[in-house]
Amino acid sequence: QAHFVESGGGLVQPGGSLRLSCIASGFNPDYHALGWFRQAPGKEREGVSCINDSDETYYTDSVKGRFTISRDNAENTVVLQMNSLKPEDTAVYYCAIDVLGYGCQSGVGKDYKWDYFGQGTQVTVSS
């Protein structure tokens, strides 16, 4: 049973920064990739960023140049540094694990290609 501890969400003004962190446990340690998804009210869940076991990183177009993903394998931790935040970044952000290797190959794969999701943390960008 996968278990996640997500932190770092909150309220921030436009142009501000937040750092999301996720510690994962209880899953196959030979996972392929870690990633972040988000879901805004009334919208589908979308992939934001991922990092695979070759340390390749991918970002959805709307966050390129503003968000940075990193991971610590020893701690099973993935971090999303979010800078220059915009109101349209407002959403619930979910940590995710890809065990089978389909979710982070040439981009951030659709959510059905990922195996586990955290419970989510709210990010609100507003003045």
Foldseek 3Di string as FASTA:
>chain_A
DKAKDKDWADEAAAQAKIKIKIFMDDDDLQFFKKFKWWDDPPGDIGTAKMATPVRDIAGDPVQPPFWDWDADSVRNMIMIIGGRDDQVVWTWMKMFTQRPPDQCDPHGRDPVNTDDIHPTDTHGYHD
